[in-house]
């Protein structure tokens, strides 16, 4: 009888990566200001789309705050909708 070729390996403590905090949680910001265009523009692509959580490194709560701040900044004409 043949041995299975795709044997699953047990996860050890070294393979589990520690979770890092997002940049806003590290700084202790509770409010992300829509007027801070420099910070918000780093979270946009060159086409004006918002980076995903995975790409930006934000936690879920901060990503929602960033989304809200970017939409407010776009409405106030501080950030472009598209380029």
PDB file of N, CA and C in Angstrom:
ATOM      1  N   UNK A   1       0.819  -1.175   0.000  1.00  0.00           N
ATOM      2  CA  UNK A   1       0.000   0.000   0.000  1.00  0.00           C
ATOM      3  C   UNK A   1       0.871   1.250   0.000  1.00  0.00           C
ATOM      4  N   UNK A   2       0.456   2.264  -0.745  1.00  0.00           N
ATOM      5  CA  UNK A   2       1.249   3.487  -0.855  1.00  0.00           C
ATOM      6  C   UNK A   2       0.954   4.428   0.295  1.00  0.00           C
ATOM      7  N   UNK A   3       1.973   5.200   0.653  1.00  0.00           N
ATOM      8  CA  UNK A   3       1.800   6.236   1.668  1.00  0.00           C
ATOM      9  C   UNK A   3       1.181   7.468   1.013  1.00  0.00           C
ATOM     10  N   UNK A   4       0.368   8.185   1.723  1.00  0.00           N
ATOM     11  CA  UNK A   4      -0.189   9.420   1.133  1.00  0.00           C
ATOM     12  C   UNK A   4       0.915  10.439   0.887  1.00  0.00           C
ATOM     13  N   UNK A   5       0.835  11.097  -0.253  1.00  0.00           N
ATOM     14  CA  UNK A   5       1.898  12.034  -0.638  1.00  0.00           C
ATOM     15  C   UNK A   5       1.756  13.398   0.027  1.00  0.00           C
ATOM     16  N   UNK A   6       0.553  13.778   0.325  1.00  0.00           N
ATOM     17  CA  UNK A   6       0.363  15.107   0.913  1.00  0.00           C
ATOM     18  C   UNK A   6       0.001  14.976   2.396  1.00  0.00           C
ATOM     19  N   UNK A   7       1.003  14.685   3.189  1.00  0.00           N
ATOM     20  CA  UNK A   7       0.811  14.538   4.626  1.00  0.00           C
ATOM     21  C   UNK A   7       0.838  15.923   5.259  1.00  0.00           C
ATOM     22  N   UNK A   8      -0.153  16.214   6.065  1.00  0.00           N
ATOM     23  CA  UNK A   8      -0.194  17.513   6.736  1.00  0.00           C
ATOM     24  C   UNK A   8       0.757  17.505   7.921  1.00  0.00           C
ATOM     25  N   UNK A   9       1.467  18.591   8.065  1.00  0.00           N
ATOM     26  CA  UNK A   9       2.396  18.721   9.186  1.00  0.00           C
ATOM     27  C   UNK A   9       1.737  19.506  10.299  1.00  0.00           C
ATOM     28  N   UNK A  10       2.100  19.183  11.512  1.00  0.00           N
ATOM     29  CA  UNK A  10       1.558  19.900  12.655  1.00  0.00           C
ATOM     30  C   UNK A  10       2.179  21.285  12.730  1.00  0.00           C
ATOM     31  N   UNK A  11       1.378  22.247  13.119  1.00  0.00           N
ATOM     32  CA  UNK A  11       1.880  23.610  13.266  1.00  0.00           C
ATOM     33  C   UNK A  11       2.595  23.733  14.595  1.00  0.00           C
ATOM     34  N   UNK A  12       3.785  24.240  14.547  1.00  0.00           N
ATOM     35  CA  UNK A  12       4.538  24.465  15.770  1.00  0.00           C
ATOM     36  C   UNK A  12       4.457  25.935  16.150  1.00  0.00           C
ATOM     37  N   UNK A  13       4.957  26.259  17.305  1.00  0.00           N
ATOM     38  CA  UNK A  13       4.917  27.643  17.766  1.00  0.00           C
ATOM     39  C   UNK A  13       5.748  28.565  16.892  1.00  0.00           C
ATOM     40  N   UNK A  14       6.783  28.030  16.253  1.00  0.00           N
ATOM     41  CA  UNK A  14       7.629  28.877  15.414  1.00  0.00           C
ATOM     42  C   UNK A  14       6.940  29.242  14.106  1.00  0.00           C
ATOM     43  N   UNK A  15       6.002  28.417  13.654  1.00  0.00           N
ATOM     44  CA  UNK A  15       5.344  28.731  12.392  1.00  0.00           C
ATOM     45  C   UNK A  15       4.214  29.735  12.571  1.00  0.00           C
ATOM     46  N   UNK A  16       3.692  29.855  13.779  1.00  0.00           N
ATOM     47  CA  UNK A  16       2.624  30.815  14.034  1.00  0.00           C
ATOM     48  C   UNK A  16       3.245  32.195  14.228  1.00  0.00           C
ATOM     49  N   UNK A  17       2.847  33.125  13.396  1.00  0.00           N
ATOM     50  CA  UNK A  17       3.416  34.464  13.435  1.00  0.00           C
ATOM     51  C   UNK A  17       2.660  35.314  14.443  1.00  0.00           C
ATOM     52  N   UNK A  18       3.386  36.110  15.187  1.00  0.00           N
ATOM     53  CA  UNK A  18       2.737  37.016  16.126  1.00  0.00           C
ATOM     54  C   UNK A  18       2.037  38.127  15.358  1.00  0.00           C
ATOM     55  N   UNK A  19       0.893  38.511  15.852  1.00  0.00           N
ATOM     56  CA  UNK A  19       0.152  39.575  15.195  1.00  0.00           C
ATOM     57  C   UNK A  19       0.756  40.922  15.565  1.00  0.00           C
ATOM     58  N   UNK A  20       0.945  41.747  14.561  1.00  0.00           N
ATOM     59  CA  UNK A  20       1.464  43.083  14.796  1.00  0.00           C
ATOM     60  C   UNK A  20       0.305  44.069  14.769  1.00  0.00           C
ATOM     61  N   UNK A  21       0.473  45.164  15.439  1.00  0.00           N
ATOM     62  CA  UNK A  21      -0.578  46.173  15.469  1.00  0.00           C
ATOM     63  C   UNK A  21      -0.469  47.067  14.247  1.00  0.00           C
ATOM     64  N   UNK A  22      -1.576  47.654  13.891  1.00  0.00           N
ATOM     65  CA  UNK A  22      -1.567  48.572  12.757  1.00  0.00           C
ATOM     66  C   UNK A  22      -0.933  49.901  13.174  1.00  0.00           C
ATOM     67  N   UNK A  23      -0.633  50.739  12.194  1.00  0.00           N
ATOM     68  CA  UNK A  23       0.088  51.988  12.480  1.00  0.00           C
ATOM     69  C   UNK A  23      -0.714  52.939  13.356  1.00  0.00           C
ATOM     70  N   UNK A  24      -2.023  52.928  13.232  1.00  0.00           N
ATOM     71  CA  UNK A  24      -2.849  53.832  14.025  1.00  0.00           C
ATOM     72  C   UNK A  24      -2.988  53.340  15.460  1.00  0.00           C
ATOM     73  N   UNK A  25      -3.060  52.028  15.659  1.00  0.00           N
ATOM     74  CA  UNK A  25      -3.133  51.485  17.021  1.00  0.00           C
ATOM     75  C   UNK A  25      -1.806  51.682  17.750  1.00  0.00           C
ATOM     76  N   UNK A  26      -0.693  51.553  17.030  1.00  0.00           N
ATOM     77  CA  UNK A  26       0.627  51.769  17.639  1.00  0.00           C
ATOM     78  C   UNK A  26       0.785  53.199  18.126  1.00  0.00           C
ATOM     79  N   UNK A  27       0.288  54.152  17.335  1.00  0.00           N
ATOM     80  CA  UNK A  27       0.390  55.562  17.712  1.00  0.00           C
ATOM     81  C   UNK A  27      -0.662  55.957  18.736  1.00  0.00           C
ATOM     82  N   UNK A  28      -1.638  55.109  18.948  1.00  0.00           N
ATOM     83  CA  UNK A  28      -2.682  55.393  19.928  1.00  0.00           C
ATOM     84  C   UNK A  28      -3.725  56.383  19.449  1.00  0.00           C
ATOM     85  N   UNK A  29      -3.908  56.475  18.131  1.00  0.00           N
ATOM     86  CA  UNK A  29      -4.900  57.401  17.586  1.00  0.00           C
ATOM     87  C   UNK A  29      -6.283  56.775  17.686  1.00  0.00           C
ATOM     88  N   UNK A  30      -7.204  57.510  18.275  1.00  0.00           N
ATOM     89  CA  UNK A  30      -8.582  57.027  18.344  1.00  0.00           C
ATOM     90  C   UNK A  30      -9.421  57.617  17.211  1.00  0.00           C
ATOM     91  N   UNK A  31      -8.935  58.696  16.602  1.00  0.00           N
ATOM     92  CA  UNK A  31      -9.658  59.366  15.529  1.00  0.00           C
ATOM     93  C   UNK A  31      -8.706  59.591  14.363  1.00  0.00           C
ATOM     94  N   UNK A  32      -9.113  59.212  13.179  1.00  0.00           N
ATOM     95  CA  UNK A  32      -8.312  59.432  11.977  1.00  0.00           C
ATOM     96  C   UNK A  32      -8.894  60.650  11.276  1.00  0.00           C
ATOM     97  N   UNK A  33      -8.093  61.695  11.177  1.00  0.00           N
ATOM     98  CA  UNK A  33      -8.575  62.983  10.694  1.00  0.00           C
ATOM     99  C   UNK A  33      -8.615  63.007   9.170  1.00  0.00           C
ATOM    100  N   UNK A  34      -9.725  63.457   8.610  1.00  0.00           N
ATOM    101  CA  UNK A  34      -9.855  63.534   7.160  1.00  0.00           C
ATOM    102  C   UNK A  34      -9.018  64.664   6.581  1.00  0.00           C
ATOM    103  N   UNK A  35      -8.574  65.608   7.421  1.00  0.00           N
ATOM    104  CA  UNK A  35      -7.766  66.730   6.937  1.00  0.00           C
ATOM    105  C   UNK A  35      -6.287  66.375   6.830  1.00  0.00           C
ATOM    106  N   UNK A  36      -5.893  65.212   7.345  1.00  0.00           N
ATOM    107  CA  UNK A  36      -4.506  64.754   7.273  1.00  0.00           C
ATOM    108  C   UNK A  36      -4.298  64.039   5.935  1.00  0.00           C
ATOM    109  N   UNK A  37      -4.150  64.828   4.890  1.00  0.00           N
ATOM    110  CA  UNK A  37      -4.119  64.308   3.526  1.00  0.00           C
ATOM    111  C   UNK A  37      -2.858  63.487   3.260  1.00  0.00           C
ATOM    112  N   UNK A  38      -1.736  63.849   3.873  1.00  0.00           N
ATOM    113  CA  UNK A  38      -0.494  63.114   3.643  1.00  0.00           C
ATOM    114  C   UNK A  38      -0.614  61.660   4.092  1.00  0.00           C
ATOM    115  N   UNK A  39      -1.175  61.444   5.257  1.00  0.00           N
ATOM    116  CA  UNK A  39      -1.342  60.088   5.770  1.00  0.00           C
ATOM    117  C   UNK A  39      -2.355  59.313   4.939  1.00  0.00           C
ATOM    118  N   UNK A  40      -3.446  59.957   4.589  1.00  0.00           N
ATOM    119  CA  UNK A  40      -4.489  59.270   3.828  1.00  0.00           C
ATOM    120  C   UNK A  40      -4.045  58.950   2.406  1.00  0.00           C
ATOM    121  N   UNK A  41      -3.222  59.795   1.816  1.00  0.00           N
ATOM    122  CA  UNK A  41      -2.774  59.535   0.444  1.00  0.00           C
ATOM    123  C   UNK A  41      -1.827  58.342   0.373  1.00  0.00           C
ATOM    124  N   UNK A  42      -1.182  57.996   1.482  1.00  0.00           N
ATOM    125  CA  UNK A  42      -0.335  56.797   1.513  1.00  0.00           C
ATOM    126  C   UNK A  42      -1.167  55.521   1.481  1.00  0.00           C
ATOM    127  N   UNK A  43      -2.447  55.638   1.791  1.00  0.00           N
ATOM    128  CA  UNK A  43      -3.335  54.479   1.827  1.00  0.00           C
ATOM    129  C   UNK A  43      -4.170  54.352   0.556  1.00  0.00           C
ATOM    130  N   UNK A  44      -3.806  55.117  -0.484  1.00  0.00           N
ATOM    131  CA  UNK A  44      -4.494  55.073  -1.769  1.00  0.00           C
ATOM    132  C   UNK A  44      -3.543  54.605  -2.863  1.00  0.00           C
ATOM    133  N   UNK A  45      -4.086  53.969  -3.893  1.00  0.00           N
ATOM    134  CA  UNK A  45      -3.283  53.619  -5.055  1.00  0.00           C
ATOM    135  C   UNK A  45      -3.087  54.871  -5.905  1.00  0.00           C
ATOM    136  N   UNK A  46      -2.283  54.747  -6.943  1.00  0.00           N
ATOM    137  CA  UNK A  46      -2.091  55.902  -7.824  1.00  0.00           C
ATOM    138  C   UNK A  46      -3.352  56.209  -8.633  1.00  0.00           C
ATOM    139  N   UNK A  47      -4.298  55.270  -8.674  1.00  0.00           N
ATOM    140  CA  UNK A  47      -5.585  55.481  -9.338  1.00  0.00           C
ATOM    141  C   UNK A  47      -6.639  56.057  -8.401  1.00  0.00           C
ATOM    142  N   UNK A  48      -6.321  56.146  -7.109  1.00  0.00           N
ATOM    143  CA  UNK A  48      -7.256  56.716  -6.150  1.00  0.00           C
ATOM    144  C   UNK A  48      -8.082  55.700  -5.395  1.00  0.00           C
ATOM    145  N   UNK A  49      -7.768  54.407  -5.550  1.00  0.00           N
ATOM    146  CA  UNK A  49      -8.511  53.373  -4.835  1.00  0.00           C
ATOM    147  C   UNK A  49      -7.899  53.158  -3.456  1.00  0.00           C
ATOM    148  N   UNK A  50      -8.716  52.737  -2.515  1.00  0.00           N
ATOM    149  CA  UNK A  50      -8.260  52.499  -1.146  1.00  0.00           C
ATOM    150  C   UNK A  50      -7.597  51.130  -1.080  1.00  0.00           C
ATOM    151  N   UNK A  51      -6.415  51.069  -0.437  1.00  0.00           N
ATOM    152  CA  UNK A  51      -5.734  49.793  -0.254  1.00  0.00           C
ATOM    153  C   UNK A  51      -6.544  48.893   0.665  1.00  0.00           C
ATOM    154  N   UNK A  52      -6.439  47.592   0.448  1.00  0.00           N
ATOM    155  CA  UNK A  52      -7.126  46.635   1.307  1.00  0.00           C
ATOM    156  C   UNK A  52      -6.429  46.555   2.663  1.00  0.00           C
ATOM    157  N   UNK A  53      -7.082  45.912   3.609  1.00  0.00           N
ATOM    158  CA  UNK A  53      -6.506  45.733   4.946  1.00  0.00           C
ATOM    159  C   UNK A  53      -5.194  44.971   4.873  1.00  0.00           C
ATOM    160  N   UNK A  54      -5.170  43.969   4.035  1.00  0.00           N
ATOM    161  CA  UNK A  54      -3.976  43.131   3.912  1.00  0.00           C
ATOM    162  C   UNK A  54      -2.797  43.946   3.391  1.00  0.00           C
ATOM    163  N   UNK A  55      -3.066  44.809   2.462  1.00  0.00           N
ATOM    164  CA  UNK A  55      -2.001  45.611   1.845  1.00  0.00           C
ATOM    165  C   UNK A  55      -1.572  46.780   2.736  1.00  0.00           C
ATOM    166  N   UNK A  56      -2.529  47.409   3.398  1.00  0.00           N
ATOM    167  CA  UNK A  56      -2.202  48.575   4.223  1.00  0.00           C
ATOM    168  C   UNK A  56      -1.723  48.183   5.615  1.00  0.00           C
ATOM    169  N   UNK A  57      -2.122  47.004   6.092  1.00  0.00           N
ATOM    170  CA  UNK A  57      -1.697  46.557   7.416  1.00  0.00           C
ATOM    171  C   UNK A  57      -2.551  47.090   8.544  1.00  0.00           C
ATOM    172  N   UNK A  58      -3.731  47.594   8.232  1.00  0.00           N
ATOM    173  CA  UNK A  58      -4.622  48.129   9.261  1.00  0.00           C
ATOM    174  C   UNK A  58      -5.460  47.024   9.879  1.00  0.00           C
ATOM    175  N   UNK A  59      -5.878  47.257  11.118  1.00  0.00           N
ATOM    176  CA  UNK A  59      -6.837  46.340  11.736  1.00  0.00           C
ATOM    177  C   UNK A  59      -8.225  46.679  11.191  1.00  0.00           C
ATOM    178  N   UNK A  60      -9.205  45.853  11.510  1.00  0.00           N
ATOM    179  CA  UNK A  60     -10.544  46.030  10.936  1.00  0.00           C
ATOM    180  C   UNK A  60     -11.175  47.357  11.354  1.00  0.00           C
ATOM    181  N   UNK A  61     -11.046  47.697  12.620  1.00  0.00           N
ATOM    182  CA  UNK A  61     -11.642  48.941  13.099  1.00  0.00           C
ATOM    183  C   UNK A  61     -11.001  50.160  12.480  1.00  0.00           C
ATOM    184  N   UNK A  62      -9.675  50.159  12.400  1.00  0.00           N
ATOM    185  CA  UNK A  62      -8.970  51.305  11.811  1.00  0.00           C
ATOM    186  C   UNK A  62      -9.217  51.391  10.310  1.00  0.00           C
ATOM    187  N   UNK A  63      -9.396  50.239   9.648  1.00  0.00           N
ATOM    188  CA  UNK A  63      -9.678  50.266   8.218  1.00  0.00           C
ATOM    189  C   UNK A  63     -11.025  50.933   7.953  1.00  0.00           C
ATOM    190  N   UNK A  64     -12.006  50.690   8.806  1.00  0.00           N
ATOM    191  CA  UNK A  64     -13.301  51.353   8.659  1.00  0.00           C
ATOM    192  C   UNK A  64     -13.170  52.857   8.884  1.00  0.00           C
ATOM    193  N   UNK A  65     -12.355  53.248   9.871  1.00  0.00           N
ATOM    194  CA  UNK A  65     -12.136  54.672  10.134  1.00  0.00           C
ATOM    195  C   UNK A  65     -11.410  55.337   8.970  1.00  0.00           C
ATOM    196  N   UNK A  66     -10.434  54.629   8.395  1.00  0.00           N
ATOM    197  CA  UNK A  66      -9.689  55.153   7.247  1.00  0.00           C
ATOM    198  C   UNK A  66     -10.628  55.335   6.063  1.00  0.00           C
ATOM    199  N   UNK A  67     -11.479  54.344   5.827  1.00  0.00           N
ATOM    200  CA  UNK A  67     -12.434  54.425   4.720  1.00  0.00           C
ATOM    201  C   UNK A  67     -13.340  55.636   4.874  1.00  0.00           C
ATOM    202  N   UNK A  68     -13.845  55.836   6.075  1.00  0.00           N
ATOM    203  CA  UNK A  68     -14.728  56.965   6.344  1.00  0.00           C
ATOM    204  C   UNK A  68     -13.989  58.288   6.148  1.00  0.00           C
ATOM    205  N   UNK A  69     -12.731  58.358   6.621  1.00  0.00           N
ATOM    206  CA  UNK A  69     -11.952  59.591   6.499  1.00  0.00           C
ATOM    207  C   UNK A  69     -11.625  59.897   5.040  1.00  0.00           C
ATOM    208  N   UNK A  70     -11.306  58.867   4.262  1.00  0.00           N
ATOM    209  CA  UNK A  70     -10.991  59.078   2.847  1.00  0.00           C
ATOM    210  C   UNK A  70     -12.228  59.554   2.096  1.00  0.00           C
ATOM    211  N   UNK A  71     -13.374  58.967   2.398  1.00  0.00           N
ATOM    212  CA  UNK A  71     -14.603  59.396   1.725  1.00  0.00           C
ATOM    213  C   UNK A  71     -14.972  60.829   2.085  1.00  0.00           C
ATOM    214  N   UNK A  72     -14.740  61.214   3.332  1.00  0.00           N
ATOM    215  CA  UNK A  72     -14.993  62.605   3.729  1.00  0.00           C
ATOM    216  C   UNK A  72     -14.034  63.549   3.021  1.00  0.00           C
ATOM    217  N   UNK A  73     -12.751  63.160   2.936  1.00  0.00           N
ATOM    218  CA  UNK A  73     -11.757  64.004   2.279  1.00  0.00           C
ATOM    219  C   UNK A  73     -12.057  64.142   0.791  1.00  0.00           C
ATOM    220  N   UNK A  74     -12.558  63.085   0.172  1.00  0.00           N
ATOM    221  CA  UNK A  74     -12.947  63.175  -1.233  1.00  0.00           C
ATOM    222  C   UNK A  74     -14.119  64.136  -1.413  1.00  0.00           C
ATOM    223  N   UNK A  75     -15.088  64.055  -0.511  1.00  0.00           N
ATOM    224  CA  UNK A  75     -16.259  64.924  -0.594  1.00  0.00           C
ATOM    225  C   UNK A  75     -15.870  66.389  -0.421  1.00  0.00           C
ATOM    226  N   UNK A  76     -14.885  66.654   0.436  1.00  0.00           N
ATOM    227  CA  UNK A  76     -14.425  68.022   0.681  1.00  0.00           C
ATOM    228  C   UNK A  76     -13.385  68.474  -0.347  1.00  0.00           C
ATOM    229  N   UNK A  77     -13.121  67.642  -1.358  1.00  0.00           N
ATOM    230  CA  UNK A  77     -12.179  67.921  -2.451  1.00  0.00           C
ATOM    231  C   UNK A  77     -10.740  68.032  -1.966  1.00  0.00           C
ATOM    232  N   UNK A  78     -10.400  67.319  -0.888  1.00  0.00           N
ATOM    233  CA  UNK A  78      -9.013  67.270  -0.432  1.00  0.00           C
ATOM    234  C   UNK A  78      -8.258  66.129  -1.107  1.00  0.00           C
ATOM    235  N   UNK A  79      -8.984  65.083  -1.476  1.00  0.00           N
ATOM    236  CA  UNK A  79      -8.418  63.941  -2.196  1.00  0.00           C
ATOM    237  C   UNK A  79      -9.221  63.730  -3.476  1.00  0.00           C
ATOM    238  N   UNK A  80      -8.569  63.234  -4.522  1.00  0.00           N
ATOM    239  CA  UNK A  80      -9.311  62.994  -5.765  1.00  0.00           C
ATOM    240  C   UNK A  80     -10.101  61.683  -5.703  1.00  0.00           C
ATOM    241  N   UNK A  81     -11.217  61.643  -6.418  1.00  0.00           N
ATOM    242  CA  UNK A  81     -11.959  60.392  -6.548  1.00  0.00           C
ATOM    243  C   UNK A  81     -11.183  59.436  -7.446  1.00  0.00           C
ATOM    244  N   UNK A  82     -10.713  59.935  -8.572  1.00  0.00           N
ATOM    245  CA  UNK A  82      -9.880  59.162  -9.495  1.00  0.00           C
ATOM    246  C   UNK A  82      -8.808  60.083 -10.053  1.00  0.00           C
ATOM    247  N   UNK A  83      -7.825  59.468 -10.676  1.00  0.00           N
ATOM    248  CA  UNK A  83      -6.785  60.273 -11.329  1.00  0.00           C
ATOM    249  C   UNK A  83      -6.644  59.875 -12.764  1.00  0.00           C
TER     250      UNK A  83
END
